[in-house]
Protein backbone atom coordinates (compact mmCIF):
# COMPACT_ATOMS: atom_id res chain seq x y z
CA MET A 1 11.40 40.63 16.07
CA SER A 2 10.16 37.45 14.43
CA THR A 3 9.52 37.46 10.70
CA THR A 4 6.42 35.89 9.22
CA ASN A 5 6.93 33.25 6.54
CA ILE A 6 4.31 32.94 3.81
CA SER A 7 4.01 29.82 1.64
CA ILE A 8 1.98 29.81 -1.56
CA GLN A 9 -0.39 26.85 -1.90
CA PRO A 10 -2.42 26.22 -5.09
CA THR A 11 -5.91 24.71 -4.86
CA SER A 12 -7.95 22.58 -7.25
CA ASN A 13 -9.70 25.80 -8.31
CA ASP A 14 -7.33 27.67 -10.64
CA ALA A 15 -8.88 30.99 -9.62
CA ILE A 16 -8.15 30.48 -5.89
CA ILE A 17 -4.76 30.38 -4.23
CA LYS A 18 -3.83 30.14 -0.54
CA PHE A 19 -1.17 32.13 1.27
CA GLU A 20 -0.30 30.22 4.44
CA ALA A 21 1.34 31.86 7.44
CA ASP A 22 3.50 30.00 9.96
CA TYR A 23 1.28 31.02 12.88
CA PHE A 24 -2.40 31.62 13.65
CA ILE A 25 -3.52 34.98 12.30
CA THR A 26 -7.08 34.93 13.68
CA GLN A 27 -8.65 33.68 16.87
CA HIS A 28 -9.53 30.35 15.17
CA ASN A 29 -12.39 31.95 13.25
CA SER A 30 -12.86 32.23 9.50
CA TYR A 31 -14.20 35.06 7.36
CA GLU A 32 -15.26 35.62 3.78
CA PHE A 33 -15.32 39.01 2.06
CA ASN A 34 -16.90 39.71 -1.32
CA ASN A 35 -15.82 43.34 -1.74
CA ILE A 36 -14.04 46.18 0.06
CA ASP A 37 -17.21 47.36 1.84
CA ASP A 38 -17.88 43.83 3.04
CA ALA A 39 -14.37 43.84 4.56
CA SER A 40 -14.91 46.73 6.97
CA ASN A 41 -13.73 44.59 9.91
CA SER A 42 -10.52 43.47 8.14
CA PRO A 43 -7.89 46.09 7.26
CA LEU A 44 -5.84 43.39 5.52
CA ALA A 45 -8.74 42.29 3.29
CA GLN A 46 -9.51 45.93 2.47
CA GLN A 47 -5.91 46.46 1.41
CA LEU A 48 -6.02 43.36 -0.81
CA PHE A 49 -9.20 44.58 -2.53
CA TYR A 50 -7.23 47.56 -3.88
CA LEU A 51 -5.55 45.03 -6.19
CA PRO A 52 -7.74 45.12 -9.32
CA PHE A 53 -7.73 41.36 -9.87
CA VAL A 54 -8.96 40.40 -6.37
CA LYS A 55 -12.52 39.06 -6.50
CA LYS A 56 -12.94 37.50 -3.02
CA VAL A 57 -10.85 37.16 0.12
CA TYR A 58 -11.09 34.31 2.62
CA ILE A 59 -9.25 34.61 5.94
CA ALA A 60 -8.98 31.54 8.17
CA SER A 61 -6.92 30.54 11.19
CA ASN A 62 -3.52 30.43 9.46
CA PHE A 63 -4.08 31.40 5.82
CA ILE A 64 -5.51 33.93 3.42
CA ALA A 65 -7.17 32.52 0.29
CA ILE A 66 -7.82 34.85 -2.62
CA GLU A 67 -10.06 34.33 -5.62
CA ARG A 68 -8.97 36.30 -8.68
CA TYR A 69 -10.72 37.71 -11.70
CA ASN A 70 -9.54 36.28 -15.01
CA ILE A 71 -7.66 39.44 -15.99
CA VAL A 72 -4.39 37.97 -14.68
CA GLU A 73 -2.80 34.59 -14.01
CA TRP A 74 -1.64 33.72 -10.50
CA THR A 75 1.84 32.85 -11.76
CA ASP A 76 2.28 36.52 -12.75
CA VAL A 77 1.22 38.10 -9.45
CA GLN A 78 1.35 35.52 -6.63
CA ASP A 79 4.85 36.40 -5.43
CA GLU A 80 4.01 40.10 -5.17
CA VAL A 81 0.81 39.31 -3.27
CA ALA A 82 2.71 37.01 -0.90
CA GLU A 83 5.21 39.80 -0.19
CA GLN A 84 2.39 42.27 0.43
CA ILE A 85 0.70 39.91 2.90
CA LYS A 86 4.03 39.18 4.56
CA ALA A 87 4.79 42.90 4.97
CA TYR A 88 1.34 43.54 6.42
CA LEU A 89 1.61 40.71 8.96
CA ASN A 90 5.09 41.83 9.98
CA SER A 91 3.73 45.32 10.67
CA ASP A 92 1.64 43.88 13.54
CA ALA A 93 -1.44 45.67 12.18
CA PRO A 94 -4.73 43.85 12.93
CA VAL A 95 -5.80 41.21 10.44
CA ILE A 96 -9.35 41.10 11.78
CA LYS A 97 -11.03 43.45 14.21
CA GLU A 98 -12.51 40.48 16.02
CA GLU A 99 -14.74 42.58 18.26
CA LEU A 100 -16.55 43.91 15.16
CA SER A 101 -16.97 40.47 13.62
CA LYS A 102 -19.59 37.82 14.05
CA PRO A 103 -17.57 34.74 14.90
CA LYS A 104 -20.44 32.64 16.24
CA ASN A 105 -20.81 30.56 13.11
CA ALA A 106 -18.42 32.16 10.62
CA VAL A 107 -18.38 29.75 7.69
CA THR A 108 -16.54 29.87 4.38
CA VAL A 109 -17.33 27.58 1.46
CA TYR A 110 -15.54 27.59 -1.86
CA ALA A 111 -15.96 25.46 -4.96
CA GLU A 112 -13.18 23.36 -6.49
CA SER A 113 -13.27 21.65 -9.86
CA THR A 114 -12.60 17.90 -10.06
CA PRO A 115 -11.33 15.64 -12.86
CA ASN A 116 -14.96 14.60 -13.35
CA PRO A 117 -16.74 17.39 -15.30
CA SER A 118 -20.07 16.37 -13.76
CA VAL A 119 -18.81 16.83 -10.18
CA LEU A 120 -17.93 19.93 -8.19
CA LYS A 121 -16.36 19.88 -4.72
CA PHE A 122 -17.56 22.38 -2.10
CA VAL A 123 -14.95 22.81 0.64
CA CYS A 124 -15.95 24.15 4.06
CA ASN A 125 -13.73 25.53 6.85
CA LYS A 126 -15.57 23.40 9.39
CA ALA A 127 -15.80 19.64 9.91
CA LEU A 128 -19.04 18.37 8.39
CA VAL A 129 -19.07 14.60 8.87
CA GLY A 130 -17.08 11.96 10.72
CA GLN A 131 -17.56 9.26 8.10
CA ILE A 132 -17.77 9.02 4.33
CA CYS A 133 -21.35 9.16 3.02
CA GLU A 134 -22.67 8.86 -0.50
CA PHE A 135 -26.29 9.20 -1.61
CA SER A 136 -27.63 8.61 -5.10
CA SER A 137 -31.27 9.46 -4.36
CA ILE A 138 -33.46 11.28 -1.87
CA ASP A 139 -34.58 7.92 -0.47
CA GLU A 140 -30.99 6.96 0.36
CA ALA A 141 -30.47 10.35 2.00
CA LYS A 142 -32.91 9.84 4.88
CA VAL A 143 -30.04 9.75 7.39
CA SER A 144 -28.81 13.13 6.16
CA PRO A 145 -31.10 16.16 6.50
CA MET A 146 -28.64 18.22 4.46
CA ALA A 147 -28.43 15.74 1.57
CA THR A 148 -32.22 15.47 1.62
CA GLU A 149 -32.46 19.22 1.06
CA LEU A 150 -29.78 19.15 -1.65
CA PHE A 151 -31.86 16.63 -3.59
CA GLN A 152 -34.62 19.23 -3.73
CA PHE A 153 -32.54 20.95 -6.40
CA PRO A 154 -33.65 19.38 -9.71
CA PHE A 155 -30.11 19.28 -11.09
CA VAL A 156 -28.56 17.31 -8.18
CA GLN A 157 -27.95 13.68 -9.12
CA ARG A 158 -25.63 12.46 -6.34
CA VAL A 159 -24.20 13.76 -3.05
CA PHE A 160 -20.90 12.64 -1.50
CA MET A 161 -19.64 13.84 1.92
CA ASP A 162 -16.26 13.44 3.58
CA LYS A 163 -14.68 15.39 6.45
CA ASN A 164 -14.98 19.06 5.46
CA TYR A 165 -16.31 18.89 1.92
CA ILE A 166 -19.31 17.89 -0.17
CA SER A 167 -19.04 16.68 -3.76
CA VAL A 168 -22.16 17.21 -5.85
CA THR A 169 -22.81 15.35 -9.10
CA LYS A 170 -25.15 17.21 -11.44
CA TYR A 171 -27.44 16.13 -14.25
CA ASP A 172 -26.62 17.48 -17.70
CA VAL A 173 -29.69 19.75 -17.61
CA ALA A 174 -27.62 22.51 -15.99
CA GLU A 175 -24.15 24.00 -16.42
CA TRP A 176 -21.90 24.64 -13.44
CA GLU A 177 -21.65 28.37 -14.15
CA GLU A 178 -25.43 28.56 -13.75
CA ILE A 179 -25.72 26.70 -10.43
CA THR A 180 -22.38 26.89 -8.55
CA THR A 181 -23.20 30.09 -6.65
CA GLN A 182 -26.65 28.78 -5.72
CA LEU A 183 -25.22 25.55 -4.29
CA ARG A 184 -22.34 27.28 -2.51
CA GLU A 185 -24.68 29.76 -0.82
CA PHE A 186 -27.06 26.99 0.21
CA ILE A 187 -24.27 24.94 1.82
CA LYS A 188 -22.78 28.03 3.51
CA ASN A 189 -26.12 29.17 4.96
CA TYR A 190 -27.04 25.63 6.03
CA VAL A 191 -23.81 25.16 8.00
CA GLU A 192 -23.95 28.69 9.45
CA ASP A 193 -27.45 28.03 10.76
CA GLY A 194 -26.11 25.03 12.68
CA LYS A 195 -28.45 22.55 11.02
CA PRO A 196 -27.53 18.84 11.23
CA ILE A 197 -25.56 17.34 8.35
CA LEU A 198 -26.29 13.77 9.45
CA SER A 199 -28.80 12.53 12.00
CA GLU A 200 -26.03 11.40 14.40
CA PRO A 201 -23.34 13.66 15.94
CA ILE A 202 -19.86 13.60 14.36
CA SER A 203 -18.29 11.95 17.43
CA SER A 204 -20.67 9.00 17.15
CA GLN A 205 -20.08 8.74 13.40
CA LYS A 206 -16.30 8.54 13.85
CA GLU A 207 -16.51 5.91 16.58
CA VAL A 208 -18.78 3.63 14.56
CA LYS A 209 -16.67 4.05 11.41
CA GLU A 210 -13.39 3.26 13.21
CA GLN A 211 -14.87 0.13 14.78
CA GLN A 212 -16.18 -1.09 11.43
CA VAL A 213 -12.86 -0.48 9.66
CA GLU A 214 -10.83 -2.19 12.37
CA SER A 215 -13.13 -5.23 12.49
CA THR A 216 -13.08 -5.67 8.70
CA PHE A 217 -9.31 -5.20 8.42
CA GLU A 218 -8.49 -7.90 10.98
CA LYS A 219 -10.38 -10.50 8.94
CA LEU A 220 -8.30 -9.94 5.80
CA ASP A 221 -5.38 -12.05 4.56
CA ASP A 222 -1.88 -10.54 4.59
CA THR A 223 -1.86 -9.48 0.92
CA SER A 224 -5.25 -7.80 1.27
CA LYS A 225 -4.00 -5.95 4.35
CA ASN A 226 -1.00 -4.70 2.38
CA ILE A 227 -3.28 -3.51 -0.42
CA VAL A 228 -5.53 -1.68 2.05
CA ASN A 229 -2.49 0.02 3.63
CA ILE A 230 -1.17 1.11 0.22
CA LEU A 231 -4.55 2.52 -0.77
CA GLU A 232 -4.89 4.36 2.56
CA GLU A 233 -1.42 5.87 2.49
CA TYR A 234 -0.79 6.62 -1.18
CA VAL A 235 -4.09 6.67 -3.05
CA LYS A 236 -6.83 7.98 -0.76
CA PRO A 237 -5.24 11.38 -0.09
CA ALA A 238 -4.95 12.00 -3.83
CA VAL A 239 -8.51 11.04 -4.71
CA ALA A 240 -9.84 12.92 -1.66
CA SER A 241 -8.24 16.11 -2.97
CA ASP A 242 -10.26 15.56 -6.15
CA GLY A 243 -13.50 15.16 -4.21
CA GLY A 244 -13.70 11.39 -4.29
CA ASN A 245 -12.89 8.22 -2.39
CA ILE A 246 -11.65 4.71 -3.03
CA GLU A 247 -12.45 1.68 -0.87
CA PHE A 248 -10.97 -1.81 -0.98
CA ILE A 249 -13.59 -4.50 -1.72
CA SER A 250 -11.73 -7.74 -2.33
CA TYR A 251 -8.59 -9.52 -3.52
CA ASP A 252 -8.60 -12.92 -5.21
CA ASP A 253 -5.27 -14.71 -4.71
CA SER A 254 -5.85 -17.14 -7.59
CA SER A 255 -6.72 -14.55 -10.24
CA LYS A 256 -4.65 -11.72 -8.67
CA LYS A 257 -7.64 -9.45 -9.17
CA VAL A 258 -8.20 -6.46 -6.86
CA GLU A 259 -11.67 -4.95 -6.74
CA VAL A 260 -12.22 -1.40 -5.45
CA LEU A 261 -15.19 0.92 -4.99
CA LEU A 262 -15.03 4.42 -6.47
CA GLN A 263 -17.12 7.13 -4.81
CA GLY A 264 -17.80 10.82 -5.16
CA ALA A 265 -16.04 12.54 -8.05
CA CYS A 266 -14.25 9.28 -8.92
CA SER A 267 -17.51 7.50 -9.66
CA GLY A 268 -18.20 7.64 -13.38
CA CYS A 269 -15.22 9.92 -13.98
CA PRO A 270 -13.94 9.67 -17.60
CA SER A 271 -10.34 9.52 -16.34
CA SER A 272 -10.94 6.90 -13.63
CA THR A 273 -10.08 3.95 -15.90
CA PHE A 274 -6.77 5.56 -16.83
CA THR A 275 -6.07 6.29 -13.17
CA LEU A 276 -6.79 2.69 -12.19
CA LYS A 277 -4.68 1.08 -14.89
CA ASN A 278 -1.77 3.52 -15.07
CA GLY A 279 -1.71 4.66 -11.47
CA ILE A 280 -3.10 2.31 -8.86
CA GLU A 281 -2.50 -0.94 -10.74
CA ASN A 282 1.13 -0.11 -11.51
CA MET A 283 1.69 1.00 -7.94
CA LEU A 284 0.36 -2.27 -6.53
CA LYS A 285 2.42 -4.31 -9.00
CA GLU A 286 5.58 -2.52 -7.95
CA MET A 287 4.97 -2.36 -4.20
CA LEU A 288 3.75 -5.96 -3.94
CA ASN A 289 6.31 -7.19 -6.49
CA ASP A 290 3.66 -9.00 -8.52
CA GLU A 291 3.20 -8.19 -12.23
CA ASN A 292 0.03 -10.30 -12.45
CA ILE A 293 -2.10 -8.02 -10.29
CA SER A 294 -5.01 -6.30 -12.00
CA VAL A 295 -7.46 -3.73 -10.67
CA SER A 296 -11.13 -3.31 -11.51
CA ALA A 297 -13.60 -0.85 -10.08
CA ILE A 298 -17.24 -0.59 -9.16
CA ASN A 299 -18.74 2.88 -9.35
CA GLY A 300 -20.53 3.91 -6.18
């Protein structure tokens, strides 16, 4: 009999941790449970709710994510929870009674903090867009019905979209604890209803984006191409996990100056200058073997 392996994966939200299995535990559907009654179609989720610190349970294709109450720290209980999940999965008991569920548009959305205190990242279990989009006003958001609706909230200042998440920048008129649930529920219901995120289908978005990137890249000099490759491989994944994006703008061979565009949570982030100077700039100096390189940024 095969034994399930469970790996513990932290998230950007300290209250949420993921327990990943080494196989698919649902029929490629995702579920969210807010309490034990809500989890009537999931014996596993019901069992987890007997733990007093469990606030919410998310079950996706190959992982269980749990949001805790602040009465404990994950470091104190995560190993025990992992063992409990592992024992349950090895018992071959059903994780989800799929026939009792509503898998048609099962959507989970959870909020993650970012290094920028004005920005929160809302992560969805479904692909949302095929290209990076950023809107700083309702006029700019005409190509995105979803962003247009988000700007109806008086506290929304900026909307950034990439793959399966949306980063929202708020005005100082509201605190996150007052508006996070409202935004999360709006995004969840919007996606569940099958409404369009952008005016064009994702497949078309990806095709156009790839063509644009390839065309621009081929026109660059060799050093610029190396910089783009370094940013793509080493920097972008890190800033994406924080709800942002970085794009190469230009490189001046005479001044050794690299200019980049910061988007999403990176735009206007108090720590972005430190990240540029002590992270990206030092990386480029080392990998390109050129101590004269400097990096400056434009906020999107």
